């Protein structure tokens, strides 16, 4: 009797492993097809395909559905998938970077800022988010706050054009002509004949 039970257990284990492996293979195939459809611009087909394997507790499927709905212009439909990702993986930076896309497309800058701040709580040195926060505050003409964010990025990436030119203009707007001039000239080292840098230098003369 003991041998029979052990045999049945072994069969059940191998049977379960086989089914699990088959399911994993099917999900991988669906993901592969969804990438192909995305490349072809067939976002709706990719969404419908992923939904055939939808699992509420799958971070990966929710992330893909968030992205594909965003690409389709379905911004309101996109956000709940990203929100599920954040619930499933509370420290996920990529899900928060994902959700700001539909939020920004809908002009919901309060939510954009909320998720950027959450990212900076997880990773305060995140250069992409610090740069984007600087852009937000520069657009609001809050140059002091913009300076605080973009200076951090330039300290990490001193030869990055986008950050250097933004810091140059931020300094100019704050009335720091000497600092702005140095940075405009540095921007010209990165991108010779850059119109933005040349315009800034012309204003300082």
N, C-alpha and C. Protein backbone atom coordinates (compact mmCIF):
# COMPACT_ATOMS: atom_id res chain seq x y z
N UNK A 1 0.84 -1.22 0.00
CA UNK A 1 0.00 0.00 0.00
C UNK A 1 0.86 1.25 0.00
N UNK A 2 1.95 1.21 0.78
CA UNK A 2 2.84 2.37 0.84
C UNK A 2 3.47 2.65 -0.51
N UNK A 3 3.85 1.58 -1.23
CA UNK A 3 4.47 1.74 -2.56
C UNK A 3 3.47 2.37 -3.53
N UNK A 4 2.20 1.95 -3.42
CA UNK A 4 1.16 2.48 -4.31
C UNK A 4 0.96 3.98 -4.08
N UNK A 5 0.92 4.38 -2.80
CA UNK A 5 0.74 5.81 -2.46
C UNK A 5 1.90 6.63 -2.98
N UNK A 6 3.14 6.10 -2.78
CA UNK A 6 4.32 6.84 -3.25
C UNK A 6 4.29 6.98 -4.78
N UNK A 7 3.87 5.93 -5.44
CA UNK A 7 3.80 5.96 -6.91
C UNK A 7 2.79 7.01 -7.38
N UNK A 8 1.63 7.03 -6.70
CA UNK A 8 0.60 8.01 -7.06
C UNK A 8 1.09 9.44 -6.83
N UNK A 9 1.81 9.65 -5.72
CA UNK A 9 2.35 10.98 -5.41
C UNK A 9 3.33 11.44 -6.48
N UNK A 10 4.20 10.52 -6.88
CA UNK A 10 5.19 10.83 -7.92
C UNK A 10 4.48 11.21 -9.22
N UNK A 11 3.46 10.43 -9.57
CA UNK A 11 2.71 10.70 -10.80
C UNK A 11 2.02 12.06 -10.74
N UNK A 12 1.45 12.37 -9.55
CA UNK A 12 0.77 13.66 -9.38
C UNK A 12 1.76 14.82 -9.50
N UNK A 13 2.95 14.65 -8.91
CA UNK A 13 3.97 15.71 -8.95
C UNK A 13 4.40 15.96 -10.39
N UNK A 14 4.71 14.90 -11.11
CA UNK A 14 5.16 15.05 -12.49
C UNK A 14 4.05 15.58 -13.40
N UNK A 15 2.83 15.16 -13.10
CA UNK A 15 1.69 15.64 -13.87
C UNK A 15 1.49 17.13 -13.66
N UNK A 16 1.60 17.56 -12.38
CA UNK A 16 1.47 18.99 -12.05
C UNK A 16 2.56 19.81 -12.68
N UNK A 17 3.79 19.29 -12.66
CA UNK A 17 4.92 20.00 -13.28
C UNK A 17 4.72 20.15 -14.77
N UNK A 18 4.20 19.10 -15.40
CA UNK A 18 3.96 19.13 -16.84
C UNK A 18 2.91 20.17 -17.20
N UNK A 19 1.82 20.21 -16.42
CA UNK A 19 0.74 21.18 -16.67
C UNK A 19 1.25 22.59 -16.48
N UNK A 20 2.03 22.80 -15.38
CA UNK A 20 2.57 24.12 -15.10
C UNK A 20 3.50 24.58 -16.22
N UNK A 21 4.35 23.66 -16.67
CA UNK A 21 5.27 23.99 -17.76
C UNK A 21 4.53 24.33 -19.04
N UNK A 22 3.45 23.60 -19.30
CA UNK A 22 2.65 23.85 -20.49
C UNK A 22 2.00 25.24 -20.42
N UNK A 23 1.46 25.57 -19.23
CA UNK A 23 0.82 26.88 -19.05
C UNK A 23 1.83 28.01 -19.22
N UNK A 24 3.03 27.81 -18.64
CA UNK A 24 4.08 28.82 -18.78
C UNK A 24 4.45 29.02 -20.24
N UNK A 25 4.55 27.91 -20.96
CA UNK A 25 4.88 27.99 -22.38
C UNK A 25 3.83 28.74 -23.17
N UNK A 26 2.56 28.53 -22.81
CA UNK A 26 1.47 29.21 -23.51
C UNK A 26 1.51 30.72 -23.24
N UNK A 27 1.79 31.09 -21.99
CA UNK A 27 1.88 32.51 -21.63
C UNK A 27 3.04 33.17 -22.36
N UNK A 28 4.18 32.48 -22.41
CA UNK A 28 5.34 33.02 -23.13
C UNK A 28 5.02 33.22 -24.61
N UNK A 29 4.28 32.29 -25.18
CA UNK A 29 3.89 32.39 -26.59
C UNK A 29 2.97 33.59 -26.82
N UNK A 30 2.05 33.81 -25.87
CA UNK A 30 1.15 34.95 -25.97
C UNK A 30 1.93 36.26 -25.89
N UNK A 31 2.91 36.32 -24.98
CA UNK A 31 3.74 37.52 -24.87
C UNK A 31 4.51 37.76 -26.17
N UNK A 32 5.08 36.70 -26.71
CA UNK A 32 5.84 36.83 -27.95
C UNK A 32 4.97 37.37 -29.08
N UNK A 33 3.75 36.82 -29.18
CA UNK A 33 2.83 37.29 -30.23
C UNK A 33 2.42 38.74 -29.98
N UNK A 34 2.27 39.11 -28.71
CA UNK A 34 1.86 40.48 -28.40
C UNK A 34 2.95 41.48 -28.80
N UNK A 35 4.22 41.09 -28.66
CA UNK A 35 5.32 41.97 -29.09
C UNK A 35 5.30 42.17 -30.61
N UNK A 36 5.02 41.09 -31.31
CA UNK A 36 4.96 41.17 -32.78
C UNK A 36 3.82 42.08 -33.21
N UNK A 37 2.65 41.90 -32.58
CA UNK A 37 1.49 42.73 -32.91
C UNK A 37 1.74 44.20 -32.57
N UNK A 38 2.44 44.43 -31.45
CA UNK A 38 2.78 45.81 -31.07
C UNK A 38 3.67 46.46 -32.14
N UNK A 39 4.66 45.71 -32.59
CA UNK A 39 5.57 46.21 -33.63
C UNK A 39 4.81 46.56 -34.90
N UNK A 40 3.77 45.80 -35.18
CA UNK A 40 2.95 46.03 -36.38
C UNK A 40 1.89 47.11 -36.16
N UNK A 41 1.83 47.64 -34.94
CA UNK A 41 0.83 48.67 -34.64
C UNK A 41 -0.55 48.11 -34.36
N UNK A 42 -0.65 46.80 -34.18
CA UNK A 42 -1.95 46.15 -33.91
C UNK A 42 -2.17 46.06 -32.40
N UNK A 43 -2.35 47.22 -31.79
CA UNK A 43 -2.44 47.26 -30.33
C UNK A 43 -3.68 46.56 -29.79
N UNK A 44 -4.81 46.77 -30.43
CA UNK A 44 -6.06 46.15 -29.96
C UNK A 44 -5.96 44.63 -30.00
N UNK A 45 -5.39 44.09 -31.07
CA UNK A 45 -5.22 42.64 -31.18
C UNK A 45 -4.29 42.13 -30.08
N UNK A 46 -3.24 42.88 -29.81
CA UNK A 46 -2.29 42.48 -28.75
C UNK A 46 -2.98 42.48 -27.39
N UNK A 47 -3.80 43.50 -27.14
CA UNK A 47 -4.55 43.59 -25.88
C UNK A 47 -5.48 42.40 -25.72
N UNK A 48 -6.26 42.14 -26.76
CA UNK A 48 -7.22 41.03 -26.71
C UNK A 48 -6.53 39.69 -26.52
N UNK A 49 -5.37 39.53 -27.14
CA UNK A 49 -4.60 38.30 -27.00
C UNK A 49 -4.14 38.10 -25.56
N UNK A 50 -3.60 39.15 -24.96
CA UNK A 50 -3.13 39.05 -23.57
C UNK A 50 -4.29 38.80 -22.60
N UNK A 51 -5.44 39.33 -22.93
CA UNK A 51 -6.60 39.14 -22.05
C UNK A 51 -7.04 37.69 -22.00
N UNK A 52 -6.69 36.91 -23.02
CA UNK A 52 -7.04 35.49 -23.00
C UNK A 52 -6.27 34.76 -21.91
N UNK A 53 -5.18 35.32 -21.45
CA UNK A 53 -4.36 34.73 -20.38
C UNK A 53 -4.32 35.63 -19.15
N UNK A 54 -5.31 36.51 -19.04
CA UNK A 54 -5.26 37.50 -17.97
C UNK A 54 -5.35 36.87 -16.58
N UNK A 55 -4.47 37.33 -15.72
CA UNK A 55 -4.50 36.94 -14.31
C UNK A 55 -4.29 38.21 -13.49
N UNK A 56 -5.21 38.47 -12.58
CA UNK A 56 -5.16 39.72 -11.81
C UNK A 56 -3.87 39.85 -10.99
N UNK A 57 -3.29 38.72 -10.61
CA UNK A 57 -2.08 38.79 -9.79
C UNK A 57 -0.80 38.65 -10.61
N UNK A 58 -0.92 38.81 -11.92
CA UNK A 58 0.27 38.77 -12.78
C UNK A 58 0.76 40.19 -13.02
N UNK A 59 1.88 40.52 -12.42
CA UNK A 59 2.49 41.83 -12.62
C UNK A 59 2.79 42.05 -14.10
N UNK A 60 3.36 41.04 -14.73
CA UNK A 60 3.83 41.16 -16.10
C UNK A 60 2.68 41.43 -17.09
N UNK A 61 1.58 40.71 -16.93
CA UNK A 61 0.45 40.90 -17.84
C UNK A 61 -0.18 42.27 -17.63
N UNK A 62 -0.33 42.67 -16.36
CA UNK A 62 -0.89 43.99 -16.08
C UNK A 62 -0.01 45.10 -16.64
N UNK A 63 1.31 44.93 -16.55
CA UNK A 63 2.23 45.94 -17.07
C UNK A 63 2.08 46.07 -18.59
N UNK A 64 2.03 44.92 -19.26
CA UNK A 64 1.88 44.93 -20.71
C UNK A 64 0.54 45.55 -21.14
N UNK A 65 -0.52 45.23 -20.41
CA UNK A 65 -1.83 45.78 -20.75
C UNK A 65 -1.87 47.29 -20.50
N UNK A 66 -1.19 47.72 -19.45
CA UNK A 66 -1.10 49.16 -19.20
C UNK A 66 -0.43 49.87 -20.35
N UNK A 67 0.68 49.32 -20.81
CA UNK A 67 1.45 49.91 -21.90
C UNK A 67 0.67 49.89 -23.22
N UNK A 68 0.07 48.76 -23.55
CA UNK A 68 -0.64 48.64 -24.81
C UNK A 68 -1.88 49.52 -24.87
N UNK A 69 -2.57 49.64 -23.74
CA UNK A 69 -3.73 50.54 -23.70
C UNK A 69 -3.29 51.99 -23.86
N UNK A 70 -2.14 52.33 -23.27
CA UNK A 70 -1.60 53.67 -23.44
C UNK A 70 -1.28 53.94 -24.91
N UNK A 71 -0.61 52.98 -25.57
CA UNK A 71 -0.27 53.14 -26.99
C UNK A 71 -1.52 53.28 -27.84
N UNK A 72 -2.60 52.64 -27.40
CA UNK A 72 -3.87 52.69 -28.15
C UNK A 72 -4.61 54.01 -27.93
N UNK A 73 -4.11 54.84 -27.02
CA UNK A 73 -4.80 56.08 -26.70
C UNK A 73 -5.91 55.89 -25.68
N UNK A 74 -5.96 54.69 -25.07
CA UNK A 74 -6.99 54.40 -24.05
C UNK A 74 -6.39 54.71 -22.67
N UNK A 75 -6.24 56.00 -22.40
CA UNK A 75 -5.50 56.42 -21.21
C UNK A 75 -6.20 56.04 -19.91
N UNK A 76 -7.52 56.22 -19.86
CA UNK A 76 -8.26 55.86 -18.64
C UNK A 76 -8.21 54.37 -18.38
N UNK A 77 -8.23 53.57 -19.47
CA UNK A 77 -8.18 52.11 -19.32
C UNK A 77 -6.77 51.65 -18.94
N UNK A 78 -5.78 52.41 -19.35
CA UNK A 78 -4.39 52.04 -19.07
C UNK A 78 -4.05 52.13 -17.59
N UNK A 79 -4.52 53.17 -16.94
CA UNK A 79 -4.06 53.47 -15.57
C UNK A 79 -4.37 52.38 -14.54
N UNK A 80 -5.57 51.77 -14.55
CA UNK A 80 -5.84 50.73 -13.55
C UNK A 80 -4.88 49.54 -13.62
N UNK A 81 -4.40 49.21 -14.82
CA UNK A 81 -3.45 48.10 -14.94
C UNK A 81 -2.13 48.45 -14.25
N UNK A 82 -1.69 49.69 -14.46
CA UNK A 82 -0.46 50.12 -13.78
C UNK A 82 -0.66 50.18 -12.27
N UNK A 83 -1.85 50.61 -11.84
CA UNK A 83 -2.14 50.68 -10.41
C UNK A 83 -2.10 49.29 -9.77
N UNK A 84 -2.58 48.29 -10.51
CA UNK A 84 -2.50 46.91 -10.02
C UNK A 84 -1.05 46.47 -9.88
N UNK A 85 -0.22 46.89 -10.85
CA UNK A 85 1.22 46.57 -10.78
C UNK A 85 1.83 47.15 -9.52
N UNK A 86 1.47 48.38 -9.19
CA UNK A 86 2.03 49.03 -8.00
C UNK A 86 1.57 48.33 -6.73
N UNK A 87 0.33 47.85 -6.73
CA UNK A 87 -0.15 47.08 -5.58
C UNK A 87 0.59 45.75 -5.46
N UNK A 88 0.86 45.13 -6.60
CA UNK A 88 1.56 43.84 -6.59
C UNK A 88 3.02 43.98 -6.24
N UNK A 89 3.65 45.06 -6.73
CA UNK A 89 5.08 45.31 -6.49
C UNK A 89 5.23 46.75 -6.00
N UNK A 90 5.05 46.98 -4.70
CA UNK A 90 5.01 48.35 -4.17
C UNK A 90 6.28 49.17 -4.41
N UNK A 91 7.40 48.52 -4.65
CA UNK A 91 8.64 49.27 -4.90
C UNK A 91 8.95 49.42 -6.39
N UNK A 92 8.00 49.06 -7.22
CA UNK A 92 8.24 49.12 -8.67
C UNK A 92 8.35 50.56 -9.16
N UNK A 93 9.52 50.88 -9.71
CA UNK A 93 9.72 52.19 -10.34
C UNK A 93 9.15 52.17 -11.75
N UNK A 94 9.34 51.04 -12.46
CA UNK A 94 8.90 50.98 -13.85
C UNK A 94 7.39 51.15 -13.99
N UNK A 95 6.62 50.61 -13.03
CA UNK A 95 5.15 50.76 -13.09
C UNK A 95 4.75 52.22 -12.89
N UNK A 96 5.48 52.92 -12.02
CA UNK A 96 5.19 54.33 -11.79
C UNK A 96 5.61 55.18 -13.00
N UNK A 97 6.73 54.83 -13.61
CA UNK A 97 7.12 55.53 -14.85
C UNK A 97 6.10 55.26 -15.94
N UNK A 98 5.52 54.05 -15.91
CA UNK A 98 4.49 53.71 -16.90
C UNK A 98 3.23 54.51 -16.71
N UNK A 99 2.78 54.64 -15.47
CA UNK A 99 1.48 55.28 -15.23
C UNK A 99 1.51 56.78 -15.47
N UNK A 100 2.70 57.39 -15.41
CA UNK A 100 2.75 58.83 -15.67
C UNK A 100 2.47 59.14 -17.15
N UNK A 101 2.68 58.17 -18.03
CA UNK A 101 2.41 58.41 -19.46
C UNK A 101 0.94 58.71 -19.72
N UNK A 102 0.00 57.83 -19.32
CA UNK A 102 -1.41 58.17 -19.53
C UNK A 102 -1.85 59.36 -18.68
N UNK A 103 -1.29 59.48 -17.47
CA UNK A 103 -1.67 60.62 -16.61
C UNK A 103 -1.29 61.94 -17.28
N UNK A 104 -0.07 62.00 -17.84
CA UNK A 104 0.38 63.22 -18.53
C UNK A 104 -0.45 63.46 -19.79
N UNK A 105 -0.78 62.39 -20.50
CA UNK A 105 -1.57 62.52 -21.73
C UNK A 105 -2.95 63.09 -21.45
N UNK A 106 -3.46 62.83 -20.25
CA UNK A 106 -4.77 63.36 -19.86
C UNK A 106 -4.64 64.72 -19.18
N UNK A 107 -3.40 65.22 -19.06
CA UNK A 107 -3.17 66.52 -18.43
C UNK A 107 -3.31 66.49 -16.93
N UNK A 108 -3.20 65.30 -16.34
CA UNK A 108 -3.34 65.16 -14.89
C UNK A 108 -1.96 65.31 -14.23
N UNK A 109 -1.48 66.55 -14.15
CA UNK A 109 -0.13 66.79 -13.66
C UNK A 109 0.00 66.56 -12.16
N UNK A 110 -1.11 66.64 -11.45
CA UNK A 110 -1.08 66.34 -10.01
C UNK A 110 -0.70 64.88 -9.79
N UNK A 111 -1.29 63.99 -10.60
CA UNK A 111 -0.95 62.57 -10.50
C UNK A 111 0.47 62.30 -10.97
N UNK A 112 0.87 62.98 -12.05
CA UNK A 112 2.24 62.82 -12.54
C UNK A 112 3.23 63.14 -11.43
N UNK A 113 3.03 64.27 -10.79
CA UNK A 113 3.93 64.69 -9.70
C UNK A 113 3.87 63.72 -8.53
N UNK A 114 2.68 63.22 -8.24
CA UNK A 114 2.51 62.25 -7.14
C UNK A 114 3.39 61.02 -7.37
N UNK A 115 3.32 60.46 -8.58
CA UNK A 115 4.08 59.25 -8.86
C UNK A 115 5.58 59.53 -8.96
N UNK A 116 5.95 60.70 -9.46
CA UNK A 116 7.37 61.05 -9.46
C UNK A 116 7.91 61.16 -8.04
N UNK A 117 7.11 61.76 -7.16
CA UNK A 117 7.55 61.86 -5.75
C UNK A 117 7.66 60.49 -5.10
N UNK A 118 6.76 59.58 -5.46
CA UNK A 118 6.84 58.22 -4.93
C UNK A 118 8.13 57.54 -5.40
N UNK A 119 8.49 57.77 -6.67
CA UNK A 119 9.73 57.19 -7.19
C UNK A 119 10.93 57.74 -6.43
N UNK A 120 10.92 59.05 -6.17
CA UNK A 120 12.05 59.66 -5.47
C UNK A 120 12.13 59.24 -4.01
N UNK A 121 11.00 58.81 -3.45
CA UNK A 121 11.05 58.23 -2.10
C UNK A 121 11.75 56.88 -2.12
N UNK A 122 11.59 56.15 -3.23
CA UNK A 122 12.24 54.85 -3.39
C UNK A 122 13.70 55.03 -3.82
N UNK A 123 13.92 55.95 -4.74
CA UNK A 123 15.26 56.18 -5.30
C UNK A 123 15.45 57.68 -5.49
N UNK A 124 15.97 58.34 -4.47
CA UNK A 124 16.06 59.80 -4.49
C UNK A 124 17.06 60.33 -5.52
N UNK A 125 17.95 59.46 -6.01
CA UNK A 125 18.94 59.88 -7.00
C UNK A 125 18.52 59.56 -8.44
N UNK A 126 17.28 59.14 -8.64
CA UNK A 126 16.83 58.76 -9.97
C UNK A 126 16.94 59.96 -10.92
N UNK A 127 17.87 59.88 -11.85
CA UNK A 127 18.19 61.03 -12.71
C UNK A 127 17.04 61.39 -13.65
N UNK A 128 16.39 60.38 -14.22
CA UNK A 128 15.29 60.66 -15.13
C UNK A 128 14.18 61.45 -14.44
N UNK A 129 13.81 61.02 -13.25
CA UNK A 129 12.71 61.66 -12.54
C UNK A 129 13.12 63.03 -12.01
N UNK A 130 14.34 63.15 -11.52
CA UNK A 130 14.81 64.47 -11.08
C UNK A 130 14.79 65.46 -12.23
N UNK A 131 15.20 65.01 -13.42
CA UNK A 131 15.18 65.89 -14.59
C UNK A 131 13.74 66.28 -14.94
N UNK A 132 12.83 65.30 -14.94
CA UNK A 132 11.44 65.60 -15.29
C UNK A 132 10.78 66.51 -14.25
N UNK A 133 11.13 66.34 -12.99
CA UNK A 133 10.61 67.24 -11.95
C UNK A 133 11.12 68.65 -12.18
N UNK A 134 12.38 68.76 -12.58
CA UNK A 134 12.94 70.07 -12.89
C UNK A 134 12.17 70.73 -14.03
N UNK A 135 11.85 69.95 -15.06
CA UNK A 135 11.07 70.49 -16.18
C UNK A 135 9.69 70.97 -15.73
N UNK A 136 9.05 70.17 -14.85
CA UNK A 136 7.73 70.56 -14.34
C UNK A 136 7.79 71.91 -13.64
N UNK A 137 8.77 72.08 -12.76
CA UNK A 137 8.86 73.31 -11.98
C UNK A 137 9.36 74.48 -12.83
N UNK A 138 10.20 74.18 -13.81
CA UNK A 138 10.63 75.25 -14.72
C UNK A 138 9.42 75.78 -15.50
N UNK A 139 8.57 74.87 -15.94
CA UNK A 139 7.36 75.27 -16.65
C UNK A 139 6.42 76.10 -15.79
N UNK A 140 6.48 75.88 -14.48
CA UNK A 140 5.66 76.66 -13.55
C UNK A 140 6.35 77.96 -13.12
N UNK A 141 7.53 78.18 -13.66
CA UNK A 141 8.36 79.34 -13.33
C UNK A 141 8.80 79.34 -11.87
N UNK A 142 8.86 78.17 -11.28
CA UNK A 142 9.42 78.01 -9.93
C UNK A 142 10.87 77.57 -10.11
N UNK A 143 11.71 78.54 -10.41
CA UNK A 143 13.09 78.24 -10.81
C UNK A 143 13.95 77.73 -9.65
N UNK A 144 13.65 78.18 -8.45
CA UNK A 144 14.41 77.70 -7.29
C UNK A 144 14.25 76.20 -7.11
N UNK A 145 13.00 75.72 -7.21
CA UNK A 145 12.75 74.29 -7.06
C UNK A 145 13.30 73.52 -8.25
N UNK A 146 13.13 74.08 -9.45
CA UNK A 146 13.67 73.43 -10.65
C UNK A 146 15.18 73.27 -10.52
N UNK A 147 15.84 74.30 -10.01
CA UNK A 147 17.29 74.27 -9.82
C UNK A 147 17.70 73.11 -8.91
N UNK A 148 16.95 72.94 -7.84
CA UNK A 148 17.30 71.89 -6.87
C UNK A 148 17.29 70.50 -7.51
N UNK A 149 16.33 70.27 -8.38
CA UNK A 149 16.24 68.96 -9.04
C UNK A 149 17.29 68.79 -10.14
N UNK A 150 17.42 69.80 -11.00
CA UNK A 150 18.32 69.62 -12.15
C UNK A 150 19.79 69.67 -11.75
N UNK A 151 20.11 70.42 -10.69
CA UNK A 151 21.50 70.46 -10.23
C UNK A 151 21.96 69.06 -9.82
N UNK A 152 21.07 68.31 -9.21
CA UNK A 152 21.41 66.94 -8.80
C UNK A 152 21.75 66.08 -10.01
N UNK A 153 21.00 66.25 -11.09
CA UNK A 153 21.25 65.47 -12.31
C UNK A 153 22.60 65.84 -12.92
N UNK A 154 22.88 67.13 -12.99
CA UNK A 154 24.14 67.59 -13.59
C UNK A 154 25.34 67.15 -12.75
N UNK A 155 25.14 67.07 -11.45
CA UNK A 155 26.23 66.56 -10.60
C UNK A 155 26.56 65.11 -10.94
N UNK A 156 25.56 64.34 -11.31
CA UNK A 156 25.78 62.93 -11.69
C UNK A 156 26.20 62.79 -13.15
N UNK A 157 25.66 63.67 -14.01
CA UNK A 157 25.93 63.59 -15.46
C UNK A 157 26.36 64.96 -15.97
N UNK A 158 27.59 65.37 -15.66
CA UNK A 158 28.05 66.72 -16.01
C UNK A 158 28.11 67.01 -17.51
N UNK A 159 28.12 65.97 -18.34
CA UNK A 159 28.25 66.17 -19.78
C UNK A 159 26.99 65.75 -20.51
N UNK A 160 25.85 65.80 -19.83
CA UNK A 160 24.56 65.48 -20.45
C UNK A 160 23.92 66.77 -20.94
N UNK A 161 23.70 66.86 -22.24
CA UNK A 161 23.23 68.12 -22.83
C UNK A 161 21.90 68.60 -22.23
N UNK A 162 20.90 67.74 -22.21
CA UNK A 162 19.57 68.15 -21.76
C UNK A 162 19.60 68.76 -20.36
N UNK A 163 20.34 68.13 -19.47
CA UNK A 163 20.41 68.61 -18.09
C UNK A 163 21.22 69.90 -17.99
N UNK A 164 22.34 69.95 -18.72
CA UNK A 164 23.20 71.15 -18.67
C UNK A 164 22.47 72.37 -19.22
N UNK A 165 21.77 72.21 -20.35
CA UNK A 165 21.07 73.37 -20.94
C UNK A 165 19.91 73.81 -20.06
N UNK A 166 19.24 72.85 -19.42
CA UNK A 166 18.15 73.22 -18.51
C UNK A 166 18.70 73.96 -17.29
N UNK A 167 19.82 73.49 -16.77
CA UNK A 167 20.44 74.18 -15.63
C UNK A 167 20.91 75.57 -16.03
N UNK A 168 21.42 75.70 -17.26
CA UNK A 168 21.86 77.01 -17.75
C UNK A 168 20.69 77.99 -17.78
N UNK A 169 19.58 77.58 -18.37
CA UNK A 169 18.41 78.46 -18.46
C UNK A 169 17.81 78.74 -17.08
N UNK A 170 17.85 77.74 -16.21
CA UNK A 170 17.33 77.94 -14.84
C UNK A 170 18.16 79.00 -14.13
N UNK A 171 19.49 78.91 -14.26
CA UNK A 171 20.35 79.93 -13.67
C UNK A 171 20.07 81.31 -14.26
N UNK A 172 19.89 81.34 -15.58
CA UNK A 172 19.60 82.62 -16.23
C UNK A 172 18.31 83.23 -15.68
N UNK A 173 17.28 82.41 -15.56
CA UNK A 173 16.00 82.89 -15.06
C UNK A 173 16.08 83.34 -13.59
N UNK A 174 17.04 82.79 -12.87
CA UNK A 174 17.23 83.18 -11.46
C UNK A 174 18.14 84.41 -11.34
N UNK A 175 18.58 84.93 -12.48
CA UNK A 175 19.43 86.12 -12.45
C UNK A 175 20.90 85.82 -12.23
N UNK A 176 21.28 84.56 -12.37
CA UNK A 176 22.68 84.16 -12.17
C UNK A 176 23.37 84.11 -13.54
N UNK A 177 23.69 85.28 -14.07
CA UNK A 177 24.22 85.37 -15.43
C UNK A 177 25.59 84.69 -15.57
N UNK A 178 26.46 84.86 -14.59
CA UNK A 178 27.80 84.27 -14.68
C UNK A 178 27.72 82.76 -14.75
N UNK A 179 26.93 82.13 -13.85
CA UNK A 179 26.78 80.68 -13.84
C UNK A 179 26.12 80.19 -15.14
N UNK A 180 25.12 80.97 -15.59
CA UNK A 180 24.42 80.60 -16.83
C UNK A 180 25.38 80.62 -18.01
N UNK A 181 26.24 81.64 -18.08
CA UNK A 181 27.19 81.76 -19.19
C UNK A 181 28.13 80.56 -19.25
N UNK A 182 28.63 80.15 -18.09
CA UNK A 182 29.53 78.99 -18.02
C UNK A 182 28.81 77.75 -18.56
N UNK A 183 27.56 77.58 -18.15
CA UNK A 183 26.80 76.39 -18.55
C UNK A 183 26.40 76.43 -20.03
N UNK A 184 26.06 77.62 -20.54
CA UNK A 184 25.75 77.72 -21.97
C UNK A 184 26.97 77.34 -22.81
N UNK A 185 28.13 77.79 -22.36
CA UNK A 185 29.37 77.43 -23.07
C UNK A 185 29.67 75.94 -22.96
N UNK A 186 29.36 75.37 -21.80
CA UNK A 186 29.54 73.92 -21.65
C UNK A 186 28.60 73.17 -22.59
N UNK A 187 27.38 73.66 -22.72
CA UNK A 187 26.41 73.02 -23.64
C UNK A 187 26.94 73.04 -25.07
N UNK A 188 27.69 74.09 -25.43
CA UNK A 188 28.27 74.18 -26.78
C UNK A 188 29.41 73.19 -26.97
N UNK A 189 30.02 72.77 -25.89
CA UNK A 189 31.02 71.69 -25.99
C UNK A 189 30.34 70.37 -26.32
N UNK A 190 29.15 70.19 -25.77
CA UNK A 190 28.42 68.93 -25.98
C UNK A 190 27.75 68.92 -27.36
N UNK A 191 27.11 70.06 -27.69
CA UNK A 191 26.44 70.19 -28.99
C UNK A 191 26.89 71.50 -29.64
N UNK A 192 27.96 71.47 -30.41
CA UNK A 192 28.44 72.70 -31.06
C UNK A 192 27.35 73.37 -31.90
N UNK A 193 27.34 74.70 -31.85
CA UNK A 193 26.39 75.54 -32.61
C UNK A 193 24.95 75.36 -32.12
N UNK A 194 24.77 74.86 -30.90
CA UNK A 194 23.41 74.66 -30.38
C UNK A 194 22.68 75.99 -30.28
N UNK A 195 21.50 76.06 -30.86
CA UNK A 195 20.74 77.32 -30.93
C UNK A 195 20.31 77.82 -29.57
N UNK A 196 19.89 76.91 -28.70
CA UNK A 196 19.44 77.31 -27.37
C UNK A 196 20.58 77.94 -26.58
N UNK A 197 21.74 77.31 -26.61
CA UNK A 197 22.90 77.84 -25.89
C UNK A 197 23.34 79.18 -26.47
N UNK A 198 23.36 79.29 -27.80
CA UNK A 198 23.77 80.55 -28.44
C UNK A 198 22.78 81.68 -28.13
N UNK A 199 21.49 81.32 -28.08
CA UNK A 199 20.46 82.32 -27.73
C UNK A 199 20.67 82.83 -26.30
N UNK A 200 21.00 81.89 -25.39
CA UNK A 200 21.25 82.27 -24.01
C UNK A 200 22.44 83.20 -23.88
N UNK A 201 23.52 82.89 -24.59
CA UNK A 201 24.73 83.72 -24.54
C UNK A 201 24.46 85.11 -25.13
N UNK A 202 23.62 85.16 -26.16
CA UNK A 202 23.27 86.44 -26.78
C UNK A 202 22.52 87.33 -25.79
N UNK A 203 21.67 86.72 -24.98
CA UNK A 203 20.90 87.49 -23.98
C UNK A 203 21.79 88.02 -22.87
N UNK A 204 22.85 87.29 -22.56
CA UNK A 204 23.73 87.69 -21.46
C UNK A 204 24.65 88.85 -21.86
N UNK A 205 24.94 89.00 -23.14
CA UNK A 205 25.85 90.08 -23.60
C UNK A 205 25.37 91.46 -23.17
